[in-house]
C-alpha atoms as a PDB file:
ATOM      1  CA  UNK A   1      -8.470 -12.638  30.131  1.00  0.00           C
ATOM      2  CA  UNK A   2     -10.853  -9.761  29.151  1.00  0.00           C
ATOM      3  CA  UNK A   3      -8.024  -7.411  30.233  1.00  0.00           C
ATOM      4  CA  UNK A   4      -5.337  -8.925  27.897  1.00  0.00           C
ATOM      5  CA  UNK A   5      -4.076  -6.360  25.480  1.00  0.00           C
ATOM      6  CA  UNK A   6      -3.787  -7.724  21.935  1.00  0.00           C
ATOM      7  CA  UNK A   7      -2.284  -5.189  19.478  1.00  0.00           C
ATOM      8  CA  UNK A   8      -1.414  -5.546  15.762  1.00  0.00           C
ATOM      9  CA  UNK A   9       1.976  -4.033  15.362  1.00  0.00           C
ATOM     10  CA  UNK A  10       2.366  -4.001  11.581  1.00  0.00           C
ATOM     11  CA  UNK A  11       0.158  -3.728   8.530  1.00  0.00           C
ATOM     12  CA  UNK A  12      -0.680  -6.788   6.414  1.00  0.00           C
ATOM     13  CA  UNK A  13       1.968  -8.060   3.975  1.00  0.00           C
ATOM     14  CA  UNK A  14       2.013 -11.281   1.937  1.00  0.00           C
ATOM     15  CA  UNK A  15       3.336 -13.630   4.519  1.00  0.00           C
ATOM     16  CA  UNK A  16       3.257 -12.428   7.979  1.00  0.00           C
ATOM     17  CA  UNK A  17       1.000 -11.257  10.726  1.00  0.00           C
ATOM     18  CA  UNK A  18       2.662  -9.370  13.639  1.00  0.00           C
ATOM     19  CA  UNK A  19       1.300  -9.354  17.195  1.00  0.00           C
ATOM     20  CA  UNK A  20       2.066  -7.913  20.643  1.00  0.00           C
ATOM     21  CA  UNK A  21       0.193  -9.453  23.586  1.00  0.00           C
ATOM     22  CA  UNK A  22       0.485  -8.244  27.126  1.00  0.00           C
ATOM     23  CA  UNK A  23      -0.816 -10.807  29.603  1.00  0.00           C
ATOM     24  CA  UNK A  24      -3.351  -9.426  32.033  1.00  0.00           C
ATOM     25  CA  UNK A  25      -2.755  -8.978  35.778  1.00  0.00           C
ATOM     26  CA  UNK A  26      -4.898 -12.077  36.667  1.00  0.00           C
ATOM     27  CA  UNK A  27      -3.334 -14.485  34.230  1.00  0.00           C
ATOM     28  CA  UNK A  28      -2.764 -17.856  35.782  1.00  0.00           C
ATOM     29  CA  UNK A  29       0.301 -19.767  34.661  1.00  0.00           C
ATOM     30  CA  UNK A  30      -0.239 -21.483  31.214  1.00  0.00           C
ATOM     31  CA  UNK A  31       2.087 -23.158  28.620  1.00  0.00           C
ATOM     32  CA  UNK A  32       3.084 -20.568  26.023  1.00  0.00           C
ATOM     33  CA  UNK A  33       1.721 -22.623  23.063  1.00  0.00           C
ATOM     34  CA  UNK A  34      -1.615 -22.977  24.729  1.00  0.00           C
ATOM     35  CA  UNK A  35      -1.828 -19.402  25.826  1.00  0.00           C
ATOM     36  CA  UNK A  36      -1.198 -18.213  22.102  1.00  0.00           C
ATOM     37  CA  UNK A  37      -3.589 -20.801  20.627  1.00  0.00           C
ATOM     38  CA  UNK A  38      -6.359 -19.040  22.775  1.00  0.00           C
ATOM     39  CA  UNK A  39      -5.426 -15.512  22.034  1.00  0.00           C
ATOM     40  CA  UNK A  40      -4.580 -15.601  18.167  1.00  0.00           C
ATOM     41  CA  UNK A  41      -7.627 -16.100  16.190  1.00  0.00           C
ATOM     42  CA  UNK A  42      -7.691 -19.038  13.708  1.00  0.00           C
ATOM     43  CA  UNK A  43      -4.098 -20.255  14.641  1.00  0.00           C
ATOM     44  CA  UNK A  44      -3.753 -23.949  15.486  1.00  0.00           C
ATOM     45  CA  UNK A  45      -1.655 -25.041  18.356  1.00  0.00           C
ATOM     46  CA  UNK A  46       0.491 -26.838  15.791  1.00  0.00           C
ATOM     47  CA  UNK A  47       1.024 -23.753  13.792  1.00  0.00           C
ATOM     48  CA  UNK A  48       1.905 -21.843  17.155  1.00  0.00           C
ATOM     49  CA  UNK A  49       4.429 -24.555  18.161  1.00  0.00           C
ATOM     50  CA  UNK A  50       6.046 -24.294  14.487  1.00  0.00           C
ATOM     51  CA  UNK A  51       6.310 -20.517  15.038  1.00  0.00           C
ATOM     52  CA  UNK A  52       7.960 -21.118  18.580  1.00  0.00           C
ATOM     53  CA  UNK A  53      10.372 -23.533  16.978  1.00  0.00           C
ATOM     54  CA  UNK A  54      11.254 -20.946  14.333  1.00  0.00           C
ATOM     55  CA  UNK A  55      12.011 -18.557  17.026  1.00  0.00           C
ATOM     56  CA  UNK A  56       9.205 -16.089  15.705  1.00  0.00           C
ATOM     57  CA  UNK A  57       7.863 -15.816  19.207  1.00  0.00           C
ATOM     58  CA  UNK A  58       9.416 -13.925  22.065  1.00  0.00           C
ATOM     59  CA  UNK A  59       8.451 -13.394  25.589  1.00  0.00           C
ATOM     60  CA  UNK A  60       9.771 -10.106  27.016  1.00  0.00           C
ATOM     61  CA  UNK A  61      12.163  -9.869  24.122  1.00  0.00           C
ATOM     62  CA  UNK A  62      13.662 -13.267  24.685  1.00  0.00           C
ATOM     63  CA  UNK A  63      13.175 -16.477  22.407  1.00  0.00           C
ATOM     64  CA  UNK A  64      11.806 -19.225  24.628  1.00  0.00           C
ATOM     65  CA  UNK A  65      10.235 -22.724  24.443  1.00  0.00           C
ATOM     66  CA  UNK A  66       6.527 -23.896  24.047  1.00  0.00           C
ATOM     67  CA  UNK A  67       6.815 -25.084  27.621  1.00  0.00           C
ATOM     68  CA  UNK A  68       7.320 -21.798  29.065  1.00  0.00           C
ATOM     69  CA  UNK A  69       4.581 -20.741  31.680  1.00  0.00           C
ATOM     70  CA  UNK A  70       3.075 -17.317  30.758  1.00  0.00           C
ATOM     71  CA  UNK A  71       2.693 -15.173  33.855  1.00  0.00           C
ATOM     72  CA  UNK A  72       1.035 -11.939  34.479  1.00  0.00           C
ATOM     73  CA  UNK A  73       2.125  -8.911  32.530  1.00  0.00           C
ATOM     74  CA  UNK A  74       4.410 -10.870  30.248  1.00  0.00           C
ATOM     75  CA  UNK A  75       4.884  -9.288  26.745  1.00  0.00           C
ATOM     76  CA  UNK A  76       4.518 -11.847  24.023  1.00  0.00           C
ATOM     77  CA  UNK A  77       5.422 -10.890  20.386  1.00  0.00           C
ATOM     78  CA  UNK A  78       5.145 -13.074  17.383  1.00  0.00           C
ATOM     79  CA  UNK A  79       5.239 -13.222  13.614  1.00  0.00           C
ATOM     80  CA  UNK A  80       3.108 -15.919  12.077  1.00  0.00           C
ATOM     81  CA  UNK A  81       2.075 -17.035   8.488  1.00  0.00           C
ATOM     82  CA  UNK A  82      -1.246 -15.426   7.753  1.00  0.00           C
ATOM     83  CA  UNK A  83      -4.146 -17.605   9.374  1.00  0.00           C
ATOM     84  CA  UNK A  84      -7.373 -18.524   7.373  1.00  0.00           C
ATOM     85  CA  UNK A  85     -10.317 -16.132   7.583  1.00  0.00           C
ATOM     86  CA  UNK A  86     -13.704 -16.360   6.468  1.00  0.00           C
ATOM     87  CA  UNK A  87     -13.830 -14.816   3.068  1.00  0.00           C
ATOM     88  CA  UNK A  88     -17.377 -13.289   3.407  1.00  0.00           C
ATOM     89  CA  UNK A  89     -17.227  -9.467   2.629  1.00  0.00           C
ATOM     90  CA  UNK A  90     -19.612  -7.340   4.566  1.00  0.00           C
ATOM     91  CA  UNK A  91     -21.327  -4.682   2.204  1.00  0.00           C
ATOM     92  CA  UNK A  92     -20.788  -1.222   3.506  1.00  0.00           C
ATOM     93  CA  UNK A  93     -22.473   1.989   2.286  1.00  0.00           C
ATOM     94  CA  UNK A  94     -19.159   3.896   1.661  1.00  0.00           C
ATOM     95  CA  UNK A  95     -19.541   6.666  -1.148  1.00  0.00           C
ATOM     96  CA  UNK A  96     -17.562   5.998  -4.260  1.00  0.00           C
ATOM     97  CA  UNK A  97     -16.282   8.574  -6.759  1.00  0.00           C
ATOM     98  CA  UNK A  98     -17.137   6.927 -10.072  1.00  0.00           C
ATOM     99  CA  UNK A  99     -15.831   8.775 -12.946  1.00  0.00           C
ATOM    100  CA  UNK A 100     -16.898   6.323 -15.691  1.00  0.00           C
ATOM    101  CA  UNK A 101     -19.177   3.346 -15.829  1.00  0.00           C
ATOM    102  CA  UNK A 102     -20.858   1.169 -18.458  1.00  0.00           C
ATOM    103  CA  UNK A 103     -22.284  -2.431 -18.450  1.00  0.00           C
ATOM    104  CA  UNK A 104     -19.096  -4.181 -18.202  1.00  0.00           C
ATOM    105  CA  UNK A 105     -16.633  -1.923 -16.227  1.00  0.00           C
ATOM    106  CA  UNK A 106     -16.366   1.046 -14.064  1.00  0.00           C
ATOM    107  CA  UNK A 107     -13.417   3.480 -12.998  1.00  0.00           C
ATOM    108  CA  UNK A 108     -13.315   4.687  -9.462  1.00  0.00           C
ATOM    109  CA  UNK A 109     -11.279   7.552  -8.100  1.00  0.00           C
ATOM    110  CA  UNK A 110      -9.902   6.119  -4.767  1.00  0.00           C
ATOM    111  CA  UNK A 111      -9.040   8.623  -2.070  1.00  0.00           C
ATOM    112  CA  UNK A 112      -5.840   8.660   0.174  1.00  0.00           C
ATOM    113  CA  UNK A 113      -6.367   6.472   3.156  1.00  0.00           C
ATOM    114  CA  UNK A 114      -8.711   3.939   1.750  1.00  0.00           C
ATOM    115  CA  UNK A 115      -7.434   0.355   1.703  1.00  0.00           C
ATOM    116  CA  UNK A 116      -8.356  -1.381  -1.589  1.00  0.00           C
ATOM    117  CA  UNK A 117      -9.151  -4.956  -0.482  1.00  0.00           C
ATOM    118  CA  UNK A 118      -9.890  -6.523   2.896  1.00  0.00           C
ATOM    119  CA  UNK A 119      -6.801  -8.151   4.480  1.00  0.00           C
ATOM    120  CA  UNK A 120      -5.187  -8.501   7.776  1.00  0.00           C
ATOM    121  CA  UNK A 121      -5.766  -5.382   9.942  1.00  0.00           C
ATOM    122  CA  UNK A 122      -8.346  -3.913   7.430  1.00  0.00           C
ATOM    123  CA  UNK A 123     -11.309  -6.246   7.206  1.00  0.00           C
ATOM    124  CA  UNK A 124     -13.809  -3.439   6.765  1.00  0.00           C
ATOM    125  CA  UNK A 125     -14.071   0.089   5.391  1.00  0.00           C
ATOM    126  CA  UNK A 126     -12.182  -0.953   2.090  1.00  0.00           C
ATOM    127  CA  UNK A 127     -13.035  -0.207  -1.426  1.00  0.00           C
ATOM    128  CA  UNK A 128     -14.253  -3.925  -1.985  1.00  0.00           C
ATOM    129  CA  UNK A 129     -16.570  -3.497   0.986  1.00  0.00           C
ATOM    130  CA  UNK A 130     -17.984  -0.382  -0.794  1.00  0.00           C
ATOM    131  CA  UNK A 131     -18.173  -2.133  -4.143  1.00  0.00           C
ATOM    132  CA  UNK A 132     -20.193  -5.133  -2.851  1.00  0.00           C
ATOM    133  CA  UNK A 133     -22.704  -2.758  -1.378  1.00  0.00           C
ATOM    134  CA  UNK A 134     -23.339  -0.561  -4.684  1.00  0.00           C
ATOM    135  CA  UNK A 135     -22.950  -3.621  -7.133  1.00  0.00           C
ATOM    136  CA  UNK A 136     -24.253  -6.998  -7.278  1.00  0.00           C
ATOM    137  CA  UNK A 137     -22.544 -10.145  -8.609  1.00  0.00           C
ATOM    138  CA  UNK A 138     -19.167  -8.722  -9.245  1.00  0.00           C
ATOM    139  CA  UNK A 139     -16.778 -11.212 -10.648  1.00  0.00           C
ATOM    140  CA  UNK A 140     -14.238 -12.726  -8.174  1.00  0.00           C
ATOM    141  CA  UNK A 141     -11.482 -14.039 -10.243  1.00  0.00           C
ATOM    142  CA  UNK A 142      -8.272 -15.336  -8.658  1.00  0.00           C
ATOM    143  CA  UNK A 143      -9.989 -18.676  -7.615  1.00  0.00           C
ATOM    144  CA  UNK A 144     -12.743 -16.977  -5.929  1.00  0.00           C
ATOM    145  CA  UNK A 145     -10.735 -14.872  -3.460  1.00  0.00           C
ATOM    146  CA  UNK A 146     -12.650 -12.155  -1.841  1.00  0.00           C
ATOM    147  CA  UNK A 147     -11.607  -9.312  -4.199  1.00  0.00           C
ATOM    148  CA  UNK A 148     -14.782  -9.000  -6.464  1.00  0.00           C
ATOM    149  CA  UNK A 149     -14.195  -6.809  -9.609  1.00  0.00           C
ATOM    150  CA  UNK A 150     -10.616  -5.964  -8.511  1.00  0.00           C
ATOM    151  CA  UNK A 151      -8.253  -6.151 -11.609  1.00  0.00           C
ATOM    152  CA  UNK A 152      -5.378  -4.105  -9.919  1.00  0.00           C
ATOM    153  CA  UNK A 153      -4.666  -2.111  -6.759  1.00  0.00           C
ATOM    154  CA  UNK A 154      -2.890   0.879  -5.505  1.00  0.00           C
ATOM    155  CA  UNK A 155      -1.531   1.491  -2.006  1.00  0.00           C
ATOM    156  CA  UNK A 156      -3.670   2.664   0.888  1.00  0.00           C
ATOM    157  CA  UNK A 157      -1.947   6.121   0.985  1.00  0.00           C
ATOM    158  CA  UNK A 158      -1.882   6.604  -2.730  1.00  0.00           C
ATOM    159  CA  UNK A 159      -4.959   8.310  -4.436  1.00  0.00           C
ATOM    160  CA  UNK A 160      -6.062   7.765  -7.922  1.00  0.00           C
ATOM    161  CA  UNK A 161      -7.823   5.689 -10.580  1.00  0.00           C
ATOM    162  CA  UNK A 162      -8.749   1.861 -10.305  1.00  0.00           C
ATOM    163  CA  UNK A 163     -10.310  -0.233 -13.002  1.00  0.00           C
ATOM    164  CA  UNK A 164     -13.196  -2.458 -11.638  1.00  0.00           C
ATOM    165  CA  UNK A 165     -14.555  -5.230 -13.728  1.00  0.00           C
ATOM    166  CA  UNK A 166     -18.394  -6.034 -13.722  1.00  0.00           C
ATOM    167  CA  UNK A 167     -18.299  -9.288 -15.679  1.00  0.00           C
ATOM    168  CA  UNK A 168     -16.177 -12.313 -15.744  1.00  0.00           C
ATOM    169  CA  UNK A 169     -15.076 -11.691 -19.272  1.00  0.00           C
ATOM    170  CA  UNK A 170     -14.112  -8.103 -18.355  1.00  0.00           C
ATOM    171  CA  UNK A 171     -11.986  -9.144 -15.554  1.00  0.00           C
ATOM    172  CA  UNK A 172     -10.149 -11.781 -17.745  1.00  0.00           C
ATOM    173  CA  UNK A 173      -9.728  -9.360 -20.676  1.00  0.00           C
ATOM    174  CA  UNK A 174      -8.371  -6.542 -18.521  1.00  0.00           C
ATOM    175  CA  UNK A 175      -6.229  -8.787 -16.383  1.00  0.00           C
ATOM    176  CA  UNK A 176      -4.624 -10.057 -19.424  1.00  0.00           C
ATOM    177  CA  UNK A 177      -3.823  -6.332 -20.518  1.00  0.00           C
ATOM    178  CA  UNK A 178      -2.328  -5.845 -17.243  1.00  0.00           C
ATOM    179  CA  UNK A 179      -0.200  -8.972 -17.417  1.00  0.00           C
ATOM    180  CA  UNK A 180       1.019  -8.141 -20.921  1.00  0.00           C
ATOM    181  CA  UNK A 181       1.822  -4.459 -19.683  1.00  0.00           C
ATOM    182  CA  UNK A 182      -0.283  -3.114 -22.590  1.00  0.00           C
ATOM    183  CA  UNK A 183      -2.313  -0.975 -20.156  1.00  0.00           C
ATOM    184  CA  UNK A 184      -0.910   2.670 -19.704  1.00  0.00           C
ATOM    185  CA  UNK A 185      -0.753   3.978 -16.229  1.00  0.00           C
ATOM    186  CA  UNK A 186       0.634   7.356 -15.260  1.00  0.00           C
ATOM    187  CA  UNK A 187       1.211   8.754 -11.761  1.00  0.00           C
ATOM    188  CA  UNK A 188       2.204  12.041 -10.548  1.00  0.00           C
ATOM    189  CA  UNK A 189       4.447  12.229  -7.557  1.00  0.00           C
ATOM    190  CA  UNK A 190       6.109  14.996  -5.598  1.00  0.00           C
ATOM    191  CA  UNK A 191       9.760  13.938  -4.880  1.00  0.00           C
ATOM    192  CA  UNK A 192      12.379  15.365  -2.918  1.00  0.00           C
ATOM    193  CA  UNK A 193      15.118  16.890  -4.922  1.00  0.00           C
ATOM    194  CA  UNK A 194      15.773  17.616  -8.663  1.00  0.00           C
ATOM    195  CA  UNK A 195      16.842  14.657 -10.679  1.00  0.00           C
ATOM    196  CA  UNK A 196      19.922  15.284 -12.847  1.00  0.00           C
ATOM    197  CA  UNK A 197      18.149  13.711 -15.789  1.00  0.00           C
ATOM    198  CA  UNK A 198      15.002  15.181 -16.534  1.00  0.00           C
ATOM    199  CA  UNK A 199      13.580  12.177 -18.342  1.00  0.00           C
ATOM    200  CA  UNK A 200      14.771   8.859 -17.518  1.00  0.00           C
ATOM    201  CA  UNK A 201      14.116   5.133 -16.682  1.00  0.00           C
ATOM    202  CA  UNK A 202      14.576   3.337 -13.610  1.00  0.00           C
ATOM    203  CA  UNK A 203      15.159  -0.445 -13.857  1.00  0.00           C
ATOM    204  CA  UNK A 204      15.816  -2.661 -10.880  1.00  0.00           C
ATOM    205  CA  UNK A 205      14.142  -5.851  -9.577  1.00  0.00           C
ATOM    206  CA  UNK A 206      11.800  -5.159  -6.533  1.00  0.00           C
ATOM    207  CA  UNK A 207      11.359  -7.561  -3.594  1.00  0.00           C
ATOM    208  CA  UNK A 208      10.568  -7.482   0.097  1.00  0.00           C
ATOM    209  CA  UNK A 209      13.197  -6.343   2.376  1.00  0.00           C
ATOM    210  CA  UNK A 210      15.027  -8.912   4.452  1.00  0.00           C
ATOM    211  CA  UNK A 211      15.129  -6.206   7.332  1.00  0.00           C
ATOM    212  CA  UNK A 212      11.350  -5.245   7.119  1.00  0.00           C
ATOM    213  CA  UNK A 213       8.830  -7.070   5.166  1.00  0.00           C
ATOM    214  CA  UNK A 214       6.683  -4.008   4.787  1.00  0.00           C
ATOM    215  CA  UNK A 215       9.292  -2.485   2.743  1.00  0.00           C
ATOM    216  CA  UNK A 216      10.275  -3.270  -0.772  1.00  0.00           C
ATOM    217  CA  UNK A 217      14.055  -3.144  -1.803  1.00  0.00           C
ATOM    218  CA  UNK A 218      15.594  -2.740  -5.184  1.00  0.00           C
ATOM    219  CA  UNK A 219      18.037  -5.277  -6.341  1.00  0.00           C
ATOM    220  CA  UNK A 220      20.078  -4.144  -9.367  1.00  0.00           C
ATOM    221  CA  UNK A 221      21.835  -7.517 -10.112  1.00  0.00           C
ATOM    222  CA  UNK A 222      18.430  -9.224 -10.586  1.00  0.00           C
ATOM    223  CA  UNK A 223      19.193 -11.926  -8.134  1.00  0.00           C
ATOM    224  CA  UNK A 224      16.207 -11.300  -6.061  1.00  0.00           C
ATOM    225  CA  UNK A 225      12.825  -9.763  -6.524  1.00  0.00           C
ATOM    226  CA  UNK A 226      10.758  -9.210  -9.914  1.00  0.00           C
ATOM    227  CA  UNK A 227      11.798  -7.332 -12.884  1.00  0.00           C
ATOM    228  CA  UNK A 228      10.475  -3.692 -12.624  1.00  0.00           C
ATOM    229  CA  UNK A 229      10.638  -0.570 -14.955  1.00  0.00           C
ATOM    230  CA  UNK A 230       9.462   2.911 -14.165  1.00  0.00           C
ATOM    231  CA  UNK A 231       9.819   5.708 -16.680  1.00  0.00           C
ATOM    232  CA  UNK A 232       9.755   9.331 -15.275  1.00  0.00           C
ATOM    233  CA  UNK A 233       9.820  12.798 -16.558  1.00  0.00           C
ATOM    234  CA  UNK A 234      10.233  16.029 -14.498  1.00  0.00           C
ATOM    235  CA  UNK A 235       7.169  18.031 -14.861  1.00  0.00           C
ATOM    236  CA  UNK A 236       8.116  21.075 -12.626  1.00  0.00           C
ATOM    237  CA  UNK A 237      11.217  21.664 -10.646  1.00  0.00           C
ATOM    238  CA  UNK A 238      10.572  23.552  -7.368  1.00  0.00           C
ATOM    239  CA  UNK A 239      14.066  23.896  -6.060  1.00  0.00           C
ATOM    240  CA  UNK A 240      13.995  21.454  -3.227  1.00  0.00           C
ATOM    241  CA  UNK A 241      11.259  19.091  -4.639  1.00  0.00           C
ATOM    242  CA  UNK A 242      10.163  18.243  -8.088  1.00  0.00           C
ATOM    243  CA  UNK A 243       6.797  17.247  -9.448  1.00  0.00           C
ATOM    244  CA  UNK A 244       7.331  14.158 -11.732  1.00  0.00           C
ATOM    245  CA  UNK A 245       5.204  12.103 -14.050  1.00  0.00           C
ATOM    246  CA  UNK A 246       5.784   8.292 -13.692  1.00  0.00           C
ATOM    247  CA  UNK A 247       4.579   5.669 -16.375  1.00  0.00           C
ATOM    248  CA  UNK A 248       4.649   2.109 -15.157  1.00  0.00           C
ATOM    249  CA  UNK A 249       6.044  -0.534 -17.509  1.00  0.00           C
ATOM    250  CA  UNK A 250       5.432  -3.214 -14.676  1.00  0.00           C
ATOM    251  CA  UNK A 251       3.262  -2.970 -11.688  1.00  0.00           C
ATOM    252  CA  UNK A 252       5.169  -4.194  -8.488  1.00  0.00           C
ATOM    253  CA  UNK A 253       4.240  -3.533  -5.020  1.00  0.00           C
ATOM    254  CA  UNK A 254       5.484  -0.031  -3.994  1.00  0.00           C
ATOM    255  CA  UNK A 255       7.118   0.211  -7.434  1.00  0.00           C
ATOM    256  CA  UNK A 256       7.506   3.989  -7.780  1.00  0.00           C
ATOM    257  CA  UNK A 257       8.057   4.536  -4.096  1.00  0.00           C
ATOM    258  CA  UNK A 258      10.868   1.912  -3.957  1.00  0.00           C
ATOM    259  CA  UNK A 259      12.366   3.152  -7.242  1.00  0.00           C
ATOM    260  CA  UNK A 260      12.316   6.887  -6.466  1.00  0.00           C
ATOM    261  CA  UNK A 261      14.039   6.161  -3.058  1.00  0.00           C
ATOM    262  CA  UNK A 262      16.525   3.915  -4.910  1.00  0.00           C
ATOM    263  CA  UNK A 263      17.852   6.915  -7.125  1.00  0.00           C
ATOM    264  CA  UNK A 264      17.904   9.252  -4.059  1.00  0.00           C
ATOM    265  CA  UNK A 265      14.648  11.013  -4.454  1.00  0.00           C
ATOM    266  CA  UNK A 266      11.936   9.730  -2.011  1.00  0.00           C
ATOM    267  CA  UNK A 267       8.536  10.789  -2.604  1.00  0.00           C
ATOM    268  CA  UNK A 268       7.439  13.602  -0.290  1.00  0.00           C
ATOM    269  CA  UNK A 269       5.853  12.524   3.005  1.00  0.00           C
ATOM    270  CA  UNK A 270       6.364   8.949   2.263  1.00  0.00           C
ATOM    271  CA  UNK A 271       6.621   7.505   5.869  1.00  0.00           C
ATOM    272  CA  UNK A 272       7.896   4.034   4.859  1.00  0.00           C
ATOM    273  CA  UNK A 273      10.706   5.180   2.266  1.00  0.00           C
ATOM    274  CA  UNK A 274      12.128   8.109   4.223  1.00  0.00           C
ATOM    275  CA  UNK A 275      10.207  10.931   2.545  1.00  0.00           C
ATOM    276  CA  UNK A 276       8.658  12.188   5.691  1.00  0.00           C
ATOM    277  CA  UNK A 277      11.826  14.170   6.706  1.00  0.00           C
ATOM    278  CA  UNK A 278      13.318  17.454   5.463  1.00  0.00           C
ATOM    279  CA  UNK A 279      15.815  15.978   2.926  1.00  0.00           C
ATOM    280  CA  UNK A 280      16.613  19.164   0.905  1.00  0.00           C
ATOM    281  CA  UNK A 281      17.024  22.697   1.884  1.00  0.00           C
ATOM    282  CA  UNK A 282      18.241  24.254   5.015  1.00  0.00           C
ATOM    283  CA  UNK A 283      16.965  24.211   8.617  1.00  0.00           C
ATOM    284  CA  UNK A 284      15.673  27.836   8.789  1.00  0.00           C
ATOM    285  CA  UNK A 285      12.649  28.162  11.022  1.00  0.00           C
ATOM    286  CA  UNK A 286      10.376  29.558   8.173  1.00  0.00           C
ATOM    287  CA  UNK A 287      11.427  26.760   5.651  1.00  0.00           C
ATOM    288  CA  UNK A 288      10.971  24.126   8.364  1.00  0.00           C
ATOM    289  CA  UNK A 289       7.727  25.418   9.336  1.00  0.00           C
ATOM    290  CA  UNK A 290       6.384  25.537   5.625  1.00  0.00           C
ATOM    291  CA  UNK A 291       7.625  22.010   5.063  1.00  0.00           C
ATOM    292  CA  UNK A 292       6.068  20.717   8.243  1.00  0.00           C
ATOM    293  CA  UNK A 293       2.744  22.404   7.242  1.00  0.00           C
ATOM    294  CA  UNK A 294       2.916  20.640   3.912  1.00  0.00           C
ATOM    295  CA  UNK A 295       3.344  17.295   5.653  1.00  0.00           C
ATOM    296  CA  UNK A 296       0.289  18.035   7.928  1.00  0.00           C
ATOM    297  CA  UNK A 297      -1.832  18.805   4.832  1.00  0.00           C
ATOM    298  CA  UNK A 298      -1.134  15.335   3.386  1.00  0.00           C
ATOM    299  CA  UNK A 299      -2.461  12.147   4.917  1.00  0.00           C
ATOM    300  CA  UNK A 300      -0.207  10.012   2.765  1.00  0.00           C
ATOM    301  CA  UNK A 301       2.761  10.123   0.302  1.00  0.00           C
ATOM    302  CA  UNK A 302       2.391  12.617  -2.569  1.00  0.00           C
ATOM    303  CA  UNK A 303       1.526  10.026  -5.089  1.00  0.00           C
ATOM    304  CA  UNK A 304      -1.499  10.204  -7.382  1.00  0.00           C
ATOM    305  CA  UNK A 305      -2.779   8.047 -10.192  1.00  0.00           C
ATOM    306  CA  UNK A 306      -3.052  10.272 -12.100  1.00  0.00           C
ATOM    307  CA  UNK A 307      -2.859  13.840 -13.309  1.00  0.00           C
ATOM    308  CA  UNK A 308      -2.232  15.204 -16.921  1.00  0.00           C
ATOM    309  CA  UNK A 309      -2.531  13.256 -20.004  1.00  0.00           C
ATOM    310  CA  UNK A 310      -3.299   9.522 -19.744  1.00  0.00           C
ATOM    311  CA  UNK A 311      -3.987   8.181 -16.220  1.00  0.00           C
ATOM    312  CA  UNK A 312      -5.319   4.771 -17.058  1.00  0.00           C
ATOM    313  CA  UNK A 313      -5.549   3.812 -20.736  1.00  0.00           C
ATOM    314  CA  UNK A 314      -6.748   0.395 -22.169  1.00  0.00           C
ATOM    315  CA  UNK A 315      -8.815  -1.386 -24.820  1.00  0.00           C
ATOM    316  CA  UNK A 316     -12.469  -1.805 -24.043  1.00  0.00           C
ATOM    317  CA  UNK A 317     -13.236  -5.591 -24.473  1.00  0.00           C
ATOM    318  CA  UNK A 318     -16.718  -4.889 -26.097  1.00  0.00           C
ATOM    319  CA  UNK A 319     -15.993  -2.108 -28.346  1.00  0.00           C
ATOM    320  CA  UNK A 320     -12.113  -2.953 -28.789  1.00  0.00           C
ATOM    321  CA  UNK A 321     -11.638   0.887 -28.695  1.00  0.00           C
ATOM    322  CA  UNK A 322      -8.742   2.350 -26.740  1.00  0.00           C
ATOM    323  CA  UNK A 323     -10.104   4.308 -23.719  1.00  0.00           C
ATOM    324  CA  UNK A 324      -8.288   6.863 -21.622  1.00  0.00           C
ATOM    325  CA  UNK A 325      -9.086   8.590 -18.468  1.00  0.00           C
ATOM    326  CA  UNK A 326      -7.553  11.113 -15.994  1.00  0.00           C
ATOM    327  CA  UNK A 327      -8.257  12.828 -12.874  1.00  0.00           C
ATOM    328  CA  UNK A 328      -6.997  16.146 -11.365  1.00  0.00           C
ATOM    329  CA  UNK A 329      -4.778  16.006  -8.137  1.00  0.00           C
ATOM    330  CA  UNK A 330      -6.512  15.708  -4.846  1.00  0.00           C
ATOM    331  CA  UNK A 331      -7.082  19.295  -3.275  1.00  0.00           C
ATOM    332  CA  UNK A 332      -4.617  18.774  -0.637  1.00  0.00           C
ATOM    333  CA  UNK A 333      -1.842  17.883  -3.149  1.00  0.00           C
ATOM    334  CA  UNK A 334      -2.625  20.973  -5.127  1.00  0.00           C
ATOM    335  CA  UNK A 335      -2.358  23.089  -2.073  1.00  0.00           C
ATOM    336  CA  UNK A 336       0.989  21.650  -1.318  1.00  0.00           C
ATOM    337  CA  UNK A 337       2.233  22.483  -4.824  1.00  0.00           C
ATOM    338  CA  UNK A 338       0.874  26.011  -4.414  1.00  0.00           C
ATOM    339  CA  UNK A 339       2.872  26.386  -1.167  1.00  0.00           C
ATOM    340  CA  UNK A 340       6.109  25.219  -2.857  1.00  0.00           C
ATOM    341  CA  UNK A 341       5.599  27.403  -5.808  1.00  0.00           C
ATOM    342  CA  UNK A 342       5.051  30.390  -3.661  1.00  0.00           C
ATOM    343  CA  UNK A 343       8.124  29.648  -1.402  1.00  0.00           C
ATOM    344  CA  UNK A 344      10.345  29.289  -4.503  1.00  0.00           C
ATOM    345  CA  UNK A 345       9.088  32.629  -5.951  1.00  0.00           C
ATOM    346  CA  UNK A 346      10.094  34.402  -2.930  1.00  0.00           C
ATOM    347  CA  UNK A 347      13.412  36.668  -3.251  1.00  0.00           C
END
């Protein structure tokens, strides 16, 4: 049993956890439902049986019954509703890049690669783990869920500004502004191609893909997903890629990434939405080498909140004054832009 291989095969999403378990060489014959209840933390046998009945469990690639006897080296894959977990958050001494702080709120510049809040597959090393180490008694909101101070979030591989509430009233006040879409948020993204319209609006409902729940699809007819609006403007055209500024009217999961892919301009180096391949330009060795070098410099998609003008703008609940903040692009993002600028200037 100690040799059993348990591997998480996808990142957390709203509904499902995905596992791949390889039975060890000394595994004795055991009913599938019992075997899984012993190997999947916090999952009851009833929950396992429901998953088997729903054909969410496969052994060696085949759907089977709960009575199947697991044998040595069987490969079991399963997708189950997210099990309960202790909501205790472990404080971790992780440095924070705080660009503003007062008695009721702060703004943090999150680096690429940092997960915002603990969730399946990322219970430690998150922004929330860092916040509870550096700050005491942050408000929880959302019925006491383990996201103290968090008013909104950005993707793991997106860098930029996050507003953190330090009091319950600040959390409520700021959350209402996000809900009412009165907070201004600007992102800068490097996208593949040069949009025909330099300044435009992308409208399309966004919801999880039926093919892969880690991916968001755009539904133009509004029959699925949630209403989403992204305004964009080309800041600089670099022949095969463009730097664009995006303003969110709504804040859906992966909104900019999904919308940009939808109009045929995926974000540069976005592994989920197809931007991690050469989508414009030729296949010449020097060009390919330059692009691949750019990919290697960027740990995630070229998306940052934000650069130039307003990054996050909102009304402070104590002063009732409009506040706005911005940040520069991360150094690696700037290096990639320089490489593209140098390339397009070549004769």
